[in-house]
Amino acid sequence: KMYLYKDGKVKGTFPISLGKNPQGQKQEKGDYRTPEGEFFIHRKLCSPKYYRSLCISYPRAEDKARAKAKGLNPGGDITIHAQPKWNADGKGDKYTLSRNWTHGCVAVTNSSMKKLWYAVREGVPVTIK
């Protein structure tokens, strides 16, 4: 679940899907894991693939250093994104929310994204755990 806070109070709760391989910290590009930790929204993006996306600040310096020490590429382009175009009408939400299917992003419904889009701005902190 995703929780939207304002002034320390929960203002919204949204069902989510994560990366296909959700157990453990993201290590490298292509591991299908969602990174955990403290991030921030660094850009809002209207996407031809996922309606709208909120880009998060992954990889951080520590993510890059950890990957480099192992000779890995930490990956990037991690977002909180809406549904794929085939589910624009939301009729497939039950299906998409019943499984973890992303490449490492956090997916929400289009209706949830519409609420998030207007509720957050660049620089807003994001905690993933």
C-alpha atoms as a PDB file:
ATOM      1  CA  LYS A   1       0.000   0.000   0.000  1.00  0.00           C
ATOM      2  CA  MET A   2       1.000   3.579  -0.557  1.00  0.00           C
ATOM      3  CA  TYR A   3       0.175   6.254   1.983  1.00  0.00           C
ATOM      4  CA  LEU A   4      -0.066   9.949   1.136  1.00  0.00           C
ATOM      5  CA  TYR A   5       0.744  12.198   4.089  1.00  0.00           C
ATOM      6  CA  LYS A   6       0.154  15.891   4.690  1.00  0.00           C
ATOM      7  CA  ASP A   7       1.230  17.567   7.919  1.00  0.00           C
ATOM      8  CA  GLY A   8       1.961  14.143   9.456  1.00  0.00           C
ATOM      9  CA  LYS A   9      -1.533  12.783   8.795  1.00  0.00           C
ATOM     10  CA  VAL A  10      -2.586  10.145   6.274  1.00  0.00           C
ATOM     11  CA  LYS A  11      -4.609  11.844   3.539  1.00  0.00           C
ATOM     12  CA  GLY A  12      -4.900   8.886   1.175  1.00  0.00           C
ATOM     13  CA  THR A  13      -4.209   5.167   0.846  1.00  0.00           C
ATOM     14  CA  PHE A  14      -3.611   3.557  -2.544  1.00  0.00           C
ATOM     15  CA  PRO A  15      -3.177  -0.073  -3.638  1.00  0.00           C
ATOM     16  CA  ILE A  16       0.095  -0.715  -5.505  1.00  0.00           C
ATOM     17  CA  SER A  17       2.090  -3.247  -7.483  1.00  0.00           C
ATOM     18  CA  LEU A  18       5.879  -3.533  -7.226  1.00  0.00           C
ATOM     19  CA  GLY A  19       8.669  -5.087  -9.250  1.00  0.00           C
ATOM     20  CA  LYS A  20       8.224  -8.714 -10.371  1.00  0.00           C
ATOM     21  CA  ASN A  21      10.915  -9.794  -7.868  1.00  0.00           C
ATOM     22  CA  PRO A  22       9.958  -7.748  -4.794  1.00  0.00           C
ATOM     23  CA  GLN A  23      12.013  -9.501  -2.119  1.00  0.00           C
ATOM     24  CA  GLY A  24      15.200  -7.678  -1.114  1.00  0.00           C
ATOM     25  CA  GLN A  25      16.902  -4.416  -1.993  1.00  0.00           C
ATOM     26  CA  LYS A  26      17.417  -3.448  -5.635  1.00  0.00           C
ATOM     27  CA  GLN A  27      20.971  -4.386  -6.625  1.00  0.00           C
ATOM     28  CA  GLU A  28      21.216  -3.943 -10.352  1.00  0.00           C
ATOM     29  CA  LYS A  29      19.450  -3.056 -13.567  1.00  0.00           C
ATOM     30  CA  GLY A  30      17.145  -5.853 -14.645  1.00  0.00           C
ATOM     31  CA  ASP A  31      16.702  -7.528 -11.236  1.00  0.00           C
ATOM     32  CA  TYR A  32      12.997  -6.512 -11.164  1.00  0.00           C
ATOM     33  CA  ARG A  33      13.307  -5.240  -7.591  1.00  0.00           C
ATOM     34  CA  THR A  34      11.862  -2.015  -6.258  1.00  0.00           C
ATOM     35  CA  PRO A  35      14.481   0.054  -4.411  1.00  0.00           C
ATOM     36  CA  GLU A  36      13.920   0.663  -0.703  1.00  0.00           C
ATOM     37  CA  GLY A  37      14.865   3.749   1.255  1.00  0.00           C
ATOM     38  CA  GLU A  38      14.430   7.505   1.342  1.00  0.00           C
ATOM     39  CA  PHE A  39      13.988   9.270  -1.992  1.00  0.00           C
ATOM     40  CA  PHE A  40      12.240  12.340  -3.382  1.00  0.00           C
ATOM     41  CA  ILE A  41      10.155  13.186  -6.432  1.00  0.00           C
ATOM     42  CA  HIS A  42      12.586  14.762  -8.892  1.00  0.00           C
ATOM     43  CA  ARG A  43      10.304  15.090 -11.909  1.00  0.00           C
ATOM     44  CA  LYS A  44       6.706  14.690 -13.028  1.00  0.00           C
ATOM     45  CA  LEU A  45       6.317  13.075 -16.426  1.00  0.00           C
ATOM     46  CA  CYS A  46       3.383  12.543 -18.773  1.00  0.00           C
ATOM     47  CA  SER A  47       4.262   9.202 -20.305  1.00  0.00           C
ATOM     48  CA  PRO A  48       3.120   7.695 -23.593  1.00  0.00           C
ATOM     49  CA  LYS A  49       3.468   4.291 -21.935  1.00  0.00           C
ATOM     50  CA  TYR A  50       1.957   4.762 -18.444  1.00  0.00           C
ATOM     51  CA  TYR A  51      -0.363   7.831 -18.525  1.00  0.00           C
ATOM     52  CA  ARG A  52       1.636   9.749 -15.859  1.00  0.00           C
ATOM     53  CA  SER A  53       4.742   9.069 -13.788  1.00  0.00           C
ATOM     54  CA  LEU A  54       6.399  10.546 -10.720  1.00  0.00           C
ATOM     55  CA  CYS A  55      10.146  10.022 -11.127  1.00  0.00           C
ATOM     56  CA  ILE A  56      12.022   9.233  -7.910  1.00  0.00           C
ATOM     57  CA  SER A  57      15.637  10.001  -7.052  1.00  0.00           C
ATOM     58  CA  TYR A  58      17.022   6.495  -7.584  1.00  0.00           C
ATOM     59  CA  PRO A  59      19.874   5.705  -7.822  1.00  0.00           C
ATOM     60  CA  ARG A  60      21.280   7.707  -4.936  1.00  0.00           C
ATOM     61  CA  ALA A  61      25.045   8.011  -4.346  1.00  0.00           C
ATOM     62  CA  GLU A  62      24.987   5.031  -1.957  1.00  0.00           C
ATOM     63  CA  ASP A  63      23.100   2.901  -4.515  1.00  0.00           C
ATOM     64  CA  LYS A  64      25.706   3.731  -7.162  1.00  0.00           C
ATOM     65  CA  ALA A  65      28.586   2.979  -4.772  1.00  0.00           C
ATOM     66  CA  ARG A  66      27.086  -0.364  -3.686  1.00  0.00           C
ATOM     67  CA  ALA A  67      26.567  -1.415  -7.307  1.00  0.00           C
ATOM     68  CA  LYS A  68      30.027  -0.242  -8.375  1.00  0.00           C
ATOM     69  CA  ALA A  69      31.678  -2.226  -5.569  1.00  0.00           C
ATOM     70  CA  LYS A  70      30.026  -5.355  -7.000  1.00  0.00           C
ATOM     71  CA  GLY A  71      30.741  -4.435 -10.622  1.00  0.00           C
ATOM     72  CA  LEU A  72      27.043  -3.883 -11.332  1.00  0.00           C
ATOM     73  CA  ASN A  73      24.898  -1.239 -13.020  1.00  0.00           C
ATOM     74  CA  PRO A  74      22.398   0.050 -10.405  1.00  0.00           C
ATOM     75  CA  GLY A  75      19.791   0.832 -13.056  1.00  0.00           C
ATOM     76  CA  GLY A  76      17.569   3.882 -12.950  1.00  0.00           C
ATOM     77  CA  ASP A  77      14.364   5.406 -14.264  1.00  0.00           C
ATOM     78  CA  ILE A  78      12.424   4.202 -11.227  1.00  0.00           C
ATOM     79  CA  THR A  79       9.024   5.845 -11.004  1.00  0.00           C
ATOM     80  CA  ILE A  80       5.678   5.748  -9.334  1.00  0.00           C
ATOM     81  CA  HIS A  81       3.615   5.249 -12.458  1.00  0.00           C
ATOM     82  CA  ALA A  82       0.047   4.672 -13.524  1.00  0.00           C
ATOM     83  CA  GLN A  83      -1.292   1.795 -15.592  1.00  0.00           C
ATOM     84  CA  PRO A  84      -0.161   0.765 -19.065  1.00  0.00           C
ATOM     85  CA  LYS A  85      -2.173   2.123 -21.992  1.00  0.00           C
ATOM     86  CA  TRP A  86      -4.102  -1.140 -22.439  1.00  0.00           C
ATOM     87  CA  ASN A  87      -5.659  -0.480 -19.008  1.00  0.00           C
ATOM     88  CA  ALA A  88      -6.491   3.203 -19.577  1.00  0.00           C
ATOM     89  CA  ASP A  89     -10.146   2.652 -18.653  1.00  0.00           C
ATOM     90  CA  GLY A  90      -9.256   0.895 -15.370  1.00  0.00           C
ATOM     91  CA  LYS A  91     -11.141  -2.295 -16.212  1.00  0.00           C
ATOM     92  CA  GLY A  92      -7.918  -4.286 -15.729  1.00  0.00           C
ATOM     93  CA  ASP A  93      -7.057  -2.767 -12.320  1.00  0.00           C
ATOM     94  CA  LYS A  94      -8.102  -5.872 -10.406  1.00  0.00           C
ATOM     95  CA  TYR A  95      -5.758  -7.935 -12.592  1.00  0.00           C
ATOM     96  CA  THR A  96      -2.763  -5.575 -12.422  1.00  0.00           C
ATOM     97  CA  LEU A  97      -3.089  -4.990  -8.671  1.00  0.00           C
ATOM     98  CA  SER A  98      -3.282  -8.727  -7.952  1.00  0.00           C
ATOM     99  CA  ARG A  99       0.398  -9.231  -8.843  1.00  0.00           C
ATOM    100  CA  ASN A 100       3.782  -7.531  -8.838  1.00  0.00           C
ATOM    101  CA  TRP A 101       4.607  -6.918 -12.497  1.00  0.00           C
ATOM    102  CA  THR A 102       6.828  -3.862 -12.949  1.00  0.00           C
ATOM    103  CA  HIS A 103      10.551  -3.736 -13.744  1.00  0.00           C
ATOM    104  CA  GLY A 104      11.150  -2.164 -10.316  1.00  0.00           C
ATOM    105  CA  CYS A 105       8.724   0.735 -10.254  1.00  0.00           C
ATOM    106  CA  VAL A 106       5.705   1.296  -8.035  1.00  0.00           C
ATOM    107  CA  ALA A 107       2.473   1.097 -10.051  1.00  0.00           C
ATOM    108  CA  VAL A 108      -0.839   2.638  -9.025  1.00  0.00           C
ATOM    109  CA  THR A 109      -4.184   2.874 -10.777  1.00  0.00           C
ATOM    110  CA  ASN A 110      -4.835   5.775 -13.137  1.00  0.00           C
ATOM    111  CA  SER A 111      -7.422   7.183 -10.730  1.00  0.00           C
ATOM    112  CA  SER A 112      -4.879   7.017  -7.880  1.00  0.00           C
ATOM    113  CA  MET A 113      -2.267   8.715 -10.068  1.00  0.00           C
ATOM    114  CA  LYS A 114      -4.655  11.532 -10.861  1.00  0.00           C
ATOM    115  CA  LYS A 115      -5.005  12.218  -7.112  1.00  0.00           C
ATOM    116  CA  LEU A 116      -1.245  11.899  -6.494  1.00  0.00           C
ATOM    117  CA  TRP A 117      -0.381  14.073  -9.496  1.00  0.00           C
ATOM    118  CA  TYR A 118      -2.237  17.051  -8.050  1.00  0.00           C
ATOM    119  CA  ALA A 119      -1.275  16.353  -4.427  1.00  0.00           C
ATOM    120  CA  VAL A 120       2.537  16.235  -4.788  1.00  0.00           C
ATOM    121  CA  ARG A 121       5.225  18.408  -6.309  1.00  0.00           C
ATOM    122  CA  GLU A 122       8.890  17.988  -7.157  1.00  0.00           C
ATOM    123  CA  GLY A 123      10.990  17.628  -4.014  1.00  0.00           C
ATOM    124  CA  VAL A 124       8.340  15.762  -1.991  1.00  0.00           C
ATOM    125  CA  PRO A 125       9.977  12.979   0.065  1.00  0.00           C
ATOM    126  CA  VAL A 126       9.177   9.341  -0.731  1.00  0.00           C
ATOM    127  CA  THR A 127       9.880   6.400   1.578  1.00  0.00           C
ATOM    128  CA  ILE A 128       9.779   2.881   0.121  1.00  0.00           C
ATOM    129  CA  LYS A 129       9.891  -0.067   2.536  1.00  0.00           C
END
